[in-house]
C-alpha atoms as a PDB file:
ATOM      1  CA  MET A   1     107.703  93.745  57.314  1.00  0.00           C
ATOM      2  CA  PRO A   2     104.159  94.384  55.966  1.00  0.00           C
ATOM      3  CA  LYS A   3     103.192  97.704  55.379  1.00  0.00           C
ATOM      4  CA  ILE A   4     101.443  98.852  58.530  1.00  0.00           C
ATOM      5  CA  ASP A   5      98.684 101.293  56.979  1.00  0.00           C
ATOM      6  CA  LYS A   6      95.378 102.621  58.703  1.00  0.00           C
ATOM      7  CA  LYS A   7      93.393  99.274  57.739  1.00  0.00           C
ATOM      8  CA  ASN A   8      96.060  96.976  59.603  1.00  0.00           C
ATOM      9  CA  ILE A   9      95.675  99.451  62.571  1.00  0.00           C
ATOM     10  CA  SER A  10      92.121  99.161  62.571  1.00  0.00           C
ATOM     11  CA  ILE A  11      92.509  95.633  62.462  1.00  0.00           C
ATOM     12  CA  ILE A  12      94.959  95.214  65.158  1.00  0.00           C
ATOM     13  CA  ASN A  13      92.441  97.239  67.057  1.00  0.00           C
ATOM     14  CA  MET A  14      89.252  95.322  66.351  1.00  0.00           C
ATOM     15  CA  LEU A  15      91.296  92.227  67.385  1.00  0.00           C
ATOM     16  CA  MET A  16      92.710  93.624  70.655  1.00  0.00           C
ATOM     17  CA  ASP A  17      88.959  94.541  71.659  1.00  0.00           C
ATOM     18  CA  ASP A  18      87.976  90.584  70.428  1.00  0.00           C
ATOM     19  CA  GLY A  19      90.710  88.218  69.510  1.00  0.00           C
ATOM     20  CA  ARG A  20      88.050  85.704  68.199  1.00  0.00           C
ATOM     21  CA  MET A  21      86.135  88.450  66.022  1.00  0.00           C
ATOM     22  CA  SER A  22      85.704  86.589  62.660  1.00  0.00           C
ATOM     23  CA  CYS A  23      87.339  88.295  59.202  1.00  0.00           C
ATOM     24  CA  SER A  24      83.613  88.817  58.198  1.00  0.00           C
ATOM     25  CA  GLU A  25      82.558  90.714  60.928  1.00  0.00           C
ATOM     26  CA  ILE A  26      86.056  92.771  60.659  1.00  0.00           C
ATOM     27  CA  ALA A  27      85.353  93.618  57.032  1.00  0.00           C
ATOM     28  CA  LYS A  28      81.540  94.512  57.544  1.00  0.00           C
ATOM     29  CA  LYS A  29      82.913  97.060  60.473  1.00  0.00           C
ATOM     30  CA  MET A  30      85.562  98.575  58.149  1.00  0.00           C
ATOM     31  CA  GLY A  31      83.118  98.741  55.002  1.00  0.00           C
ATOM     32  CA  ASN A  32      85.867  99.148  52.656  1.00  0.00           C
ATOM     33  CA  ILE A  33      87.742  95.472  52.628  1.00  0.00           C
ATOM     34  CA  THR A  34      86.753  92.148  51.582  1.00  0.00           C
ATOM     35  CA  GLU A  35      86.918  89.365  54.150  1.00  0.00           C
ATOM     36  CA  ARG A  36      89.525  87.571  52.118  1.00  0.00           C
ATOM     37  CA  SER A  37      91.802  90.469  52.164  1.00  0.00           C
ATOM     38  CA  VAL A  38      91.155  90.687  56.193  1.00  0.00           C
ATOM     39  CA  GLN A  39      92.212  87.256  56.288  1.00  0.00           C
ATOM     40  CA  TYR A  40      95.137  88.027  53.986  1.00  0.00           C
ATOM     41  CA  ARG A  41      96.120  90.800  56.407  1.00  0.00           C
ATOM     42  CA  ILE A  42      95.936  88.858  59.643  1.00  0.00           C
ATOM     43  CA  ASN A  43      97.651  85.868  58.433  1.00  0.00           C
ATOM     44  CA  ARG A  44     100.512  88.116  57.285  1.00  0.00           C
ATOM     45  CA  LEU A  45     100.666  90.162  60.604  1.00  0.00           C
ATOM     46  CA  VAL A  46     100.724  86.990  62.567  1.00  0.00           C
ATOM     47  CA  SER A  47     103.324  85.387  60.568  1.00  0.00           C
ATOM     48  CA  GLU A  48     105.416  88.383  60.359  1.00  0.00           C
ATOM     49  CA  ASN A  49     105.147  88.545  63.934  1.00  0.00           C
ATOM     50  CA  VAL A  50     103.650  91.998  64.054  1.00  0.00           C
ATOM     51  CA  ILE A  51     100.652  90.655  66.273  1.00  0.00           C
ATOM     52  CA  LYS A  52     100.285  87.553  68.594  1.00  0.00           C
ATOM     53  CA  ILE A  53      96.678  86.486  68.887  1.00  0.00           C
ATOM     54  CA  CYS A  54      96.322  85.082  72.521  1.00  0.00           C
ATOM     55  CA  ALA A  55      94.190  85.199  75.704  1.00  0.00           C
ATOM     56  CA  VAL A  56      94.966  87.927  78.063  1.00  0.00           C
ATOM     57  CA  PRO A  57      93.853  86.842  81.571  1.00  0.00           C
ATOM     58  CA  SER A  58      92.822  88.797  84.403  1.00  0.00           C
ATOM     59  CA  ALA A  59      94.984  88.365  87.154  1.00  0.00           C
ATOM     60  CA  GLU A  60      92.498  89.713  89.470  1.00  0.00           C
ATOM     61  CA  LYS A  61      89.669  87.427  88.822  1.00  0.00           C
ATOM     62  CA  LEU A  62      92.216  84.428  88.671  1.00  0.00           C
ATOM     63  CA  GLY A  63      92.826  85.486  92.480  1.00  0.00           C
ATOM     64  CA  PHE A  64      95.853  87.868  92.057  1.00  0.00           C
ATOM     65  CA  PRO A  65      94.039  90.926  92.924  1.00  0.00           C
ATOM     66  CA  VAL A  66      97.498  92.661  93.704  1.00  0.00           C
ATOM     67  CA  ILE A  67     100.046  94.142  91.437  1.00  0.00           C
ATOM     68  CA  ALA A  68     103.518  95.136  92.421  1.00  0.00           C
ATOM     69  CA  ASP A  69     106.221  97.050  90.915  1.00  0.00           C
ATOM     70  CA  ILE A  70     109.846  96.268  92.025  1.00  0.00           C
ATOM     71  CA  TYR A  71     112.735  98.381  91.158  1.00  0.00           C
ATOM     72  CA  ILE A  72     116.088  96.871  91.731  1.00  0.00           C
ATOM     73  CA  GLU A  73     119.811  98.046  92.227  1.00  0.00           C
ATOM     74  CA  VAL A  74     121.784  95.762  91.009  1.00  0.00           C
ATOM     75  CA  GLU A  75     126.145  95.494  90.655  1.00  0.00           C
ATOM     76  CA  SER A  76     126.703  96.380  87.079  1.00  0.00           C
ATOM     77  CA  ALA A  77     128.159  92.736  86.523  1.00  0.00           C
ATOM     78  CA  ASN A  78     124.835  90.822  87.762  1.00  0.00           C
ATOM     79  CA  ILE A  79     122.167  92.656  85.648  1.00  0.00           C
ATOM     80  CA  GLU A  80     121.338  90.752  83.053  1.00  0.00           C
ATOM     81  CA  GLU A  81     121.616  87.420  85.204  1.00  0.00           C
ATOM     82  CA  VAL A  82     119.515  88.651  87.675  1.00  0.00           C
ATOM     83  CA  ALA A  83     116.994  89.715  85.178  1.00  0.00           C
ATOM     84  CA  LYS A  84     116.945  86.615  83.600  1.00  0.00           C
ATOM     85  CA  THR A  85     116.094  84.889  86.729  1.00  0.00           C
ATOM     86  CA  LEU A  86     113.244  87.031  87.406  1.00  0.00           C
ATOM     87  CA  ALA A  87     111.742  86.402  84.322  1.00  0.00           C
ATOM     88  CA  GLU A  88     111.682  82.635  84.950  1.00  0.00           C
ATOM     89  CA  TYR A  89     109.069  83.250  87.998  1.00  0.00           C
ATOM     90  CA  GLU A  90     105.556  82.956  87.068  1.00  0.00           C
ATOM     91  CA  CYS A  91     104.323  85.780  89.016  1.00  0.00           C
ATOM     92  CA  VAL A  92     106.146  87.819  87.268  1.00  0.00           C
ATOM     93  CA  ALA A  93     104.783  89.828  84.357  1.00  0.00           C
ATOM     94  CA  TYR A  94     107.005  92.046  83.264  1.00  0.00           C
ATOM     95  CA  VAL A  95     111.063  92.237  83.088  1.00  0.00           C
ATOM     96  CA  ALA A  96     112.759  95.018  82.140  1.00  0.00           C
ATOM     97  CA  CYS A  97     116.907  96.491  81.960  1.00  0.00           C
ATOM     98  CA  SER A  98     117.044 100.063  82.060  1.00  0.00           C
ATOM     99  CA  ILE A  99     119.954 102.428  81.397  1.00  0.00           C
ATOM    100  CA  GLY A 100     120.235 104.496  84.869  1.00  0.00           C
ATOM    101  CA  ASN A 101     118.508 103.700  87.780  1.00  0.00           C
ATOM    102  CA  PRO A 102     116.879 101.353  88.851  1.00  0.00           C
ATOM    103  CA  ASP A 103     118.779  98.326  86.787  1.00  0.00           C
ATOM    104  CA  VAL A 104     115.886  96.128  86.833  1.00  0.00           C
ATOM    105  CA  SER A 105     112.195  96.705  87.154  1.00  0.00           C
ATOM    106  CA  ILE A 106     109.801  94.199  87.416  1.00  0.00           C
ATOM    107  CA  GLN A 107     105.927  93.690  87.832  1.00  0.00           C
ATOM    108  CA  ILE A 108     104.586  90.805  89.906  1.00  0.00           C
ATOM    109  CA  PHE A 109     100.959  89.518  90.034  1.00  0.00           C
ATOM    110  CA  SER A 110     100.179  88.070  93.800  1.00  0.00           C
ATOM    111  CA  PRO A 111      97.162  87.269  95.925  1.00  0.00           C
ATOM    112  CA  ASP A 112      97.921  89.640  98.955  1.00  0.00           C
ATOM    113  CA  ASN A 113     100.161  92.300 100.153  1.00  0.00           C
ATOM    114  CA  SER A 114     102.169  89.690 102.448  1.00  0.00           C
ATOM    115  CA  THR A 115     103.142  87.265  99.319  1.00  0.00           C
ATOM    116  CA  VAL A 116     104.650  90.558  97.962  1.00  0.00           C
ATOM    117  CA  PHE A 117     106.979  91.622 100.884  1.00  0.00           C
ATOM    118  CA  ARG A 118     108.130  87.942 101.191  1.00  0.00           C
ATOM    119  CA  PHE A 119     108.482  87.760  97.098  1.00  0.00           C
ATOM    120  CA  ALA A 120     110.555  91.259  97.544  1.00  0.00           C
ATOM    121  CA  THR A 121     112.525  90.471 100.585  1.00  0.00           C
ATOM    122  CA  GLU A 122     113.023  86.510 100.279  1.00  0.00           C
ATOM    123  CA  ILE A 123     113.525  85.878  96.407  1.00  0.00           C
ATOM    124  CA  VAL A 124     114.627  89.486  94.885  1.00  0.00           C
ATOM    125  CA  GLY A 125     116.361  91.025  97.842  1.00  0.00           C
ATOM    126  CA  LYS A 126     118.316  87.942  98.282  1.00  0.00           C
ATOM    127  CA  MET A 127     119.444  87.520  95.080  1.00  0.00           C
ATOM    128  CA  PRO A 128     123.515  87.716  94.103  1.00  0.00           C
ATOM    129  CA  GLY A 129     124.119  91.254  93.523  1.00  0.00           C
ATOM    130  CA  VAL A 130     121.047  92.804  94.287  1.00  0.00           C
ATOM    131  CA  ILE A 131     122.025  95.955  96.205  1.00  0.00           C
ATOM    132  CA  LYS A 132     118.546  97.439  97.256  1.00  0.00           C
ATOM    133  CA  THR A 133     114.765  96.806  96.071  1.00  0.00           C
ATOM    134  CA  LYS A 134     111.924  99.628  95.847  1.00  0.00           C
ATOM    135  CA  THR A 135     108.426  98.228  95.928  1.00  0.00           C
ATOM    136  CA  LEU A 136     105.066 100.090  94.754  1.00  0.00           C
ATOM    137  CA  ILE A 137     101.499  98.386  95.406  1.00  0.00           C
ATOM    138  CA  LEU A 138      99.247  99.456  92.447  1.00  0.00           C
ATOM    139  CA  PRO A 139      95.711 100.122  93.781  1.00  0.00           C
ATOM    140  CA  THR A 140      94.854 101.490  90.256  1.00  0.00           C
ATOM    141  CA  ILE A 141      96.031 100.615  86.732  1.00  0.00           C
ATOM    142  CA  LEU A 142      94.610 102.795  84.230  1.00  0.00           C
ATOM    143  CA  LYS A 143      95.470 101.655  81.354  1.00  0.00           C
ATOM    144  CA  ALA A 144      97.988  98.011  80.973  1.00  0.00           C
ATOM    145  CA  ASN A 145     100.196  96.953  78.053  1.00  0.00           C
ATOM    146  CA  SER A 146      97.597  94.784  76.822  1.00  0.00           C
ATOM    147  CA  GLN A 147      95.564  98.093  76.108  1.00  0.00           C
ATOM    148  CA  TRP A 148      97.946  99.877  74.099  1.00  0.00           C
ATOM    149  CA  ARG A 149      96.861 101.132  70.742  1.00  0.00           C
ATOM    150  CA  VAL A 150      99.215 101.403  67.653  1.00  0.00           C
ATOM    151  CA  PRO A 151      99.123 105.574  66.924  1.00  0.00           C
ATOM    152  CA  ILE A 152      98.214 106.160  63.447  1.00  0.00           C
ATOM    153  CA  THR A 153     100.959 108.727  63.752  1.00  0.00           C
ATOM    154  CA  PHE A 154     102.697 110.582  66.785  1.00  0.00           C
ATOM    155  CA  GLU A 155     101.607 113.864  65.255  1.00  0.00           C
ATOM    156  CA  HIS A 156      98.142 112.576  66.287  1.00  0.00           C
ATOM    157  CA  GLU A 157      99.207 112.546  69.541  1.00  0.00           C
ATOM    158  CA  PHE A 158     100.469 115.565  69.935  1.00  0.00           C
ATOM    159  CA  LYS A 159      97.485 117.451  68.288  1.00  0.00           C
ATOM    160  CA  ARG A 160      95.847 115.927  71.276  1.00  0.00           C
ATOM    161  CA  VAL A 161      97.884 117.548  73.590  1.00  0.00           C
ATOM    162  CA  LYS A 162      97.878 120.612  72.063  1.00  0.00           C
ATOM    163  CA  LYS A 163      93.845 120.625  72.014  1.00  0.00           C
ATOM    164  CA  SER A 164      93.752 119.947  75.844  1.00  0.00           C
ATOM    165  CA  GLN A 165      95.769 122.883  76.417  1.00  0.00           C
END
């Protein structure tokens, strides 16, 4: 795995802002690195599966303005099967199994609230092993997974908290 230093973090963050940014533009913005070195670092980060450069669609602009989290309590013998089955649905953006309650959580993108309701009751609620579901409509998301930034250090995060207290 490549060393994740401050230069790599800067490159990653710039690519998150614009995945089509050229290596020469990244090098100019950083000021202390060559275009060739930027290209080498990007290639290595991609080949080592540290990053993936891809399009991040806007669900809202594509006609799916309703985002919902569905928390699912499942019989212990069926947790993995339920999670894998739910991961196959295109409307499902996120699937996770947890230790504790809920057993499985998913996030879906939907054209409207009634479709969320139908998906939660007619699909999720009727799956073998599902005991109970809890659905939350998310009218506001302040930060999505695609906006997560690599922390330089967690000490930096803790200092930020101390400053705000």
